Amino acid sequence: MAVKTITIDLEAYDALARHKKPGQSFSQVIKEHFRRGKSVDAFRAVLRDTSLSERTLAAIDKTVRSRKRSPARAPAL
C-alpha cells in the first residue's frame, strides 16, 4: 500500500485524535469522516434493524432519493 506523509497543525491533529477510536488509524478516521454516502448507508442499515414496516422504510427511501434529485442545495462555501 502506498502512503503519503502530510503536515497538519496541532489543532487539526487534536480534532483527528478526538475522533479516533482505540485501534483505529488516523487514515481510517479520515476515510470514515470523508467517505461519501457512508452516512446514508449506515442510516439505512439502522432503519432495517428497527421495527419499522416495509411501507415506512420504502417511504423514507423515496424521500431520500427525491431529495438527491432536488435542485435545492446548500451554497458551496
N, C-alpha and C. Protein backbone atom coordinates (compact mmCIF):
# COMPACT_ATOMS: atom_id res chain seq x y z
N MET A 1 0.85 -1.17 0.00
CA MET A 1 0.00 0.00 0.00
C MET A 1 0.89 1.24 0.00
N ALA A 2 0.61 2.14 -0.90
CA ALA A 2 1.35 3.40 -0.98
C ALA A 2 0.89 4.33 0.14
N VAL A 3 1.81 5.13 0.64
CA VAL A 3 1.47 6.09 1.69
C VAL A 3 2.02 7.46 1.33
N LYS A 4 1.41 8.48 1.91
CA LYS A 4 1.86 9.87 1.76
C LYS A 4 2.00 10.44 3.16
N THR A 5 2.98 11.27 3.34
CA THR A 5 3.16 11.96 4.61
C THR A 5 2.60 13.37 4.44
N ILE A 6 1.77 13.78 5.41
CA ILE A 6 1.20 15.13 5.36
C ILE A 6 1.57 15.87 6.63
N THR A 7 1.52 17.17 6.56
CA THR A 7 1.77 18.01 7.73
C THR A 7 0.47 18.70 8.10
N ILE A 8 0.10 18.58 9.38
CA ILE A 8 -1.10 19.25 9.88
C ILE A 8 -0.73 20.00 11.15
N ASP A 9 -1.50 21.03 11.45
CA ASP A 9 -1.20 21.79 12.67
C ASP A 9 -1.77 21.04 13.87
N LEU A 10 -1.43 21.51 15.05
CA LEU A 10 -1.85 20.83 16.28
C LEU A 10 -3.37 20.81 16.47
N GLU A 11 -4.03 21.86 16.05
CA GLU A 11 -5.48 21.91 16.16
C GLU A 11 -6.12 20.80 15.31
N ALA A 12 -5.63 20.62 14.08
CA ALA A 12 -6.14 19.56 13.20
C ALA A 12 -5.82 18.19 13.79
N TYR A 13 -4.62 18.03 14.32
CA TYR A 13 -4.24 16.76 14.95
C TYR A 13 -5.16 16.43 16.12
N ASP A 14 -5.41 17.43 16.97
CA ASP A 14 -6.28 17.21 18.12
C ASP A 14 -7.70 16.82 17.69
N ALA A 15 -8.19 17.45 16.60
CA ALA A 15 -9.51 17.12 16.08
C ALA A 15 -9.55 15.67 15.61
N LEU A 16 -8.54 15.24 14.90
CA LEU A 16 -8.47 13.85 14.45
C LEU A 16 -8.37 12.90 15.64
N ALA A 17 -7.52 13.25 16.59
CA ALA A 17 -7.31 12.39 17.76
C ALA A 17 -8.60 12.22 18.57
N ARG A 18 -9.42 13.27 18.65
CA ARG A 18 -10.69 13.18 19.39
C ARG A 18 -11.65 12.18 18.73
N HIS A 19 -11.57 12.05 17.41
CA HIS A 19 -12.47 11.14 16.70
C HIS A 19 -11.91 9.73 16.58
N LYS A 20 -10.66 9.55 16.91
CA LYS A 20 -10.00 8.26 16.78
C LYS A 20 -10.44 7.31 17.88
N LYS A 21 -10.86 6.13 17.47
CA LYS A 21 -11.26 5.09 18.42
C LYS A 21 -10.06 4.18 18.69
N PRO A 22 -10.07 3.46 19.81
CA PRO A 22 -8.94 2.56 20.10
C PRO A 22 -8.72 1.57 18.94
N GLY A 23 -7.47 1.44 18.54
CA GLY A 23 -7.12 0.51 17.47
C GLY A 23 -7.35 1.06 16.06
N GLN A 24 -7.87 2.26 15.96
CA GLN A 24 -8.17 2.86 14.66
C GLN A 24 -6.99 3.74 14.23
N SER A 25 -6.66 3.69 12.95
CA SER A 25 -5.59 4.54 12.43
C SER A 25 -6.15 5.91 12.07
N PHE A 26 -5.26 6.88 11.93
CA PHE A 26 -5.71 8.21 11.51
C PHE A 26 -6.28 8.15 10.09
N SER A 27 -5.71 7.30 9.25
CA SER A 27 -6.25 7.12 7.89
C SER A 27 -7.69 6.64 7.94
N GLN A 28 -7.99 5.73 8.84
CA GLN A 28 -9.36 5.23 8.98
C GLN A 28 -10.29 6.33 9.47
N VAL A 29 -9.82 7.17 10.37
CA VAL A 29 -10.64 8.29 10.87
C VAL A 29 -10.97 9.23 9.72
N ILE A 30 -9.98 9.57 8.92
CA ILE A 30 -10.19 10.47 7.79
C ILE A 30 -11.16 9.86 6.79
N LYS A 31 -10.95 8.60 6.43
CA LYS A 31 -11.84 7.93 5.47
C LYS A 31 -13.27 7.84 6.00
N GLU A 32 -13.40 7.54 7.28
CA GLU A 32 -14.73 7.44 7.88
C GLU A 32 -15.46 8.78 7.81
N HIS A 33 -14.74 9.84 8.01
CA HIS A 33 -15.35 11.17 8.02
C HIS A 33 -15.68 11.68 6.62
N PHE A 34 -14.82 11.40 5.65
CA PHE A 34 -14.97 11.99 4.33
C PHE A 34 -15.56 11.06 3.28
N ARG A 35 -15.72 9.80 3.59
CA ARG A 35 -16.28 8.87 2.60
C ARG A 35 -17.72 9.26 2.30
N ARG A 36 -18.00 9.51 1.02
CA ARG A 36 -19.34 9.94 0.61
C ARG A 36 -20.32 8.77 0.67
N GLY A 37 -21.52 9.07 1.12
CA GLY A 37 -22.59 8.08 1.12
C GLY A 37 -22.58 7.13 2.29
N LYS A 38 -21.50 7.09 3.03
CA LYS A 38 -21.44 6.15 4.13
C LYS A 38 -22.51 6.43 5.17
N SER A 39 -22.75 7.69 5.47
CA SER A 39 -23.73 8.00 6.49
C SER A 39 -25.13 7.58 6.05
N VAL A 40 -25.42 7.70 4.77
CA VAL A 40 -26.72 7.26 4.26
C VAL A 40 -26.83 5.75 4.36
N ASP A 41 -25.76 5.05 3.96
CA ASP A 41 -25.77 3.60 4.06
C ASP A 41 -25.92 3.13 5.50
N ALA A 42 -25.22 3.80 6.40
CA ALA A 42 -25.32 3.44 7.82
C ALA A 42 -26.72 3.71 8.34
N PHE A 43 -27.31 4.83 7.92
CA PHE A 43 -28.67 5.17 8.33
C PHE A 43 -29.67 4.11 7.84
N ARG A 44 -29.52 3.70 6.59
CA ARG A 44 -30.41 2.67 6.05
C ARG A 44 -30.25 1.35 6.81
N ALA A 45 -29.02 1.02 7.17
CA ALA A 45 -28.78 -0.22 7.93
C ALA A 45 -29.46 -0.16 9.29
N VAL A 46 -29.39 1.00 9.94
CA VAL A 46 -30.05 1.16 11.23
C VAL A 46 -31.57 1.03 11.06
N LEU A 47 -32.09 1.63 10.01
CA LEU A 47 -33.53 1.54 9.77
C LEU A 47 -33.98 0.10 9.55
N ARG A 48 -33.15 -0.67 8.85
CA ARG A 48 -33.51 -2.08 8.61
C ARG A 48 -33.57 -2.87 9.92
N ASP A 49 -32.77 -2.46 10.89
CA ASP A 49 -32.73 -3.16 12.17
C ASP A 49 -33.83 -2.72 13.13
N THR A 50 -34.63 -1.75 12.72
CA THR A 50 -35.73 -1.29 13.57
C THR A 50 -36.98 -2.08 13.25
N SER A 51 -38.02 -1.79 13.97
CA SER A 51 -39.28 -2.50 13.75
C SER A 51 -40.22 -1.71 12.84
N LEU A 52 -39.67 -0.86 11.99
CA LEU A 52 -40.49 -0.10 11.05
C LEU A 52 -41.01 -1.04 9.96
N SER A 53 -42.19 -0.74 9.48
CA SER A 53 -42.77 -1.56 8.42
C SER A 53 -42.04 -1.32 7.10
N GLU A 54 -42.17 -2.27 6.18
CA GLU A 54 -41.57 -2.12 4.85
C GLU A 54 -42.14 -0.90 4.14
N ARG A 55 -43.41 -0.62 4.37
CA ARG A 55 -44.05 0.54 3.75
C ARG A 55 -43.40 1.84 4.24
N THR A 56 -43.14 1.92 5.53
CA THR A 56 -42.50 3.10 6.09
C THR A 56 -41.07 3.24 5.57
N LEU A 57 -40.33 2.13 5.53
CA LEU A 57 -38.97 2.16 5.02
C LEU A 57 -38.94 2.59 3.55
N ALA A 58 -39.90 2.11 2.77
CA ALA A 58 -39.98 2.49 1.36
C ALA A 58 -40.27 3.99 1.22
N ALA A 59 -41.14 4.52 2.09
CA ALA A 59 -41.46 5.95 2.05
C ALA A 59 -40.23 6.79 2.41
N ILE A 60 -39.47 6.36 3.38
CA ILE A 60 -38.25 7.06 3.77
C ILE A 60 -37.26 7.03 2.62
N ASP A 61 -37.08 5.86 2.02
CA ASP A 61 -36.16 5.72 0.90
C ASP A 61 -36.57 6.62 -0.27
N LYS A 62 -37.86 6.67 -0.55
CA LYS A 62 -38.37 7.51 -1.63
C LYS A 62 -38.06 8.99 -1.36
N THR A 63 -38.26 9.41 -0.11
CA THR A 63 -37.99 10.79 0.27
C THR A 63 -36.51 11.12 0.12
N VAL A 64 -35.66 10.23 0.58
CA VAL A 64 -34.21 10.45 0.48
C VAL A 64 -33.79 10.54 -0.98
N ARG A 65 -34.31 9.63 -1.80
CA ARG A 65 -33.95 9.65 -3.23
C ARG A 65 -34.46 10.91 -3.92
N SER A 66 -35.65 11.38 -3.55
CA SER A 66 -36.18 12.59 -4.18
C SER A 66 -35.36 13.81 -3.80
N ARG A 67 -34.85 13.84 -2.60
CA ARG A 67 -34.00 14.96 -2.18
C ARG A 67 -32.69 14.98 -2.95
N LYS A 68 -32.23 13.81 -3.32
CA LYS A 68 -30.98 13.72 -4.08
C LYS A 68 -31.13 14.39 -5.44
N ARG A 69 -32.32 14.32 -6.02
CA ARG A 69 -32.58 14.91 -7.33
C ARG A 69 -32.98 16.37 -7.24
N SER A 70 -33.23 16.86 -6.04
CA SER A 70 -33.70 18.22 -5.85
C SER A 70 -32.62 19.23 -6.21
N PRO A 71 -33.00 20.31 -6.90
CA PRO A 71 -32.01 21.33 -7.23
C PRO A 71 -31.63 22.19 -6.03
N ALA A 72 -32.38 22.10 -4.94
CA ALA A 72 -32.08 22.91 -3.76
C ALA A 72 -30.86 22.30 -3.05
N ARG A 73 -29.83 23.08 -2.95
CA ARG A 73 -28.60 22.63 -2.30
C ARG A 73 -28.06 23.75 -1.42
N ALA A 74 -27.30 23.38 -0.45
CA ALA A 74 -26.62 24.37 0.38
C ALA A 74 -25.55 25.04 -0.48
N PRO A 75 -25.33 26.31 -0.26
CA PRO A 75 -24.32 27.00 -1.07
C PRO A 75 -22.93 26.47 -0.78
N ALA A 76 -22.12 26.38 -1.81
CA ALA A 76 -20.72 25.98 -1.63
C ALA A 76 -19.97 27.15 -1.01
N LEU A 77 -19.26 26.87 0.03
CA LEU A 77 -18.50 27.95 0.71
C LEU A 77 -17.06 27.93 0.31
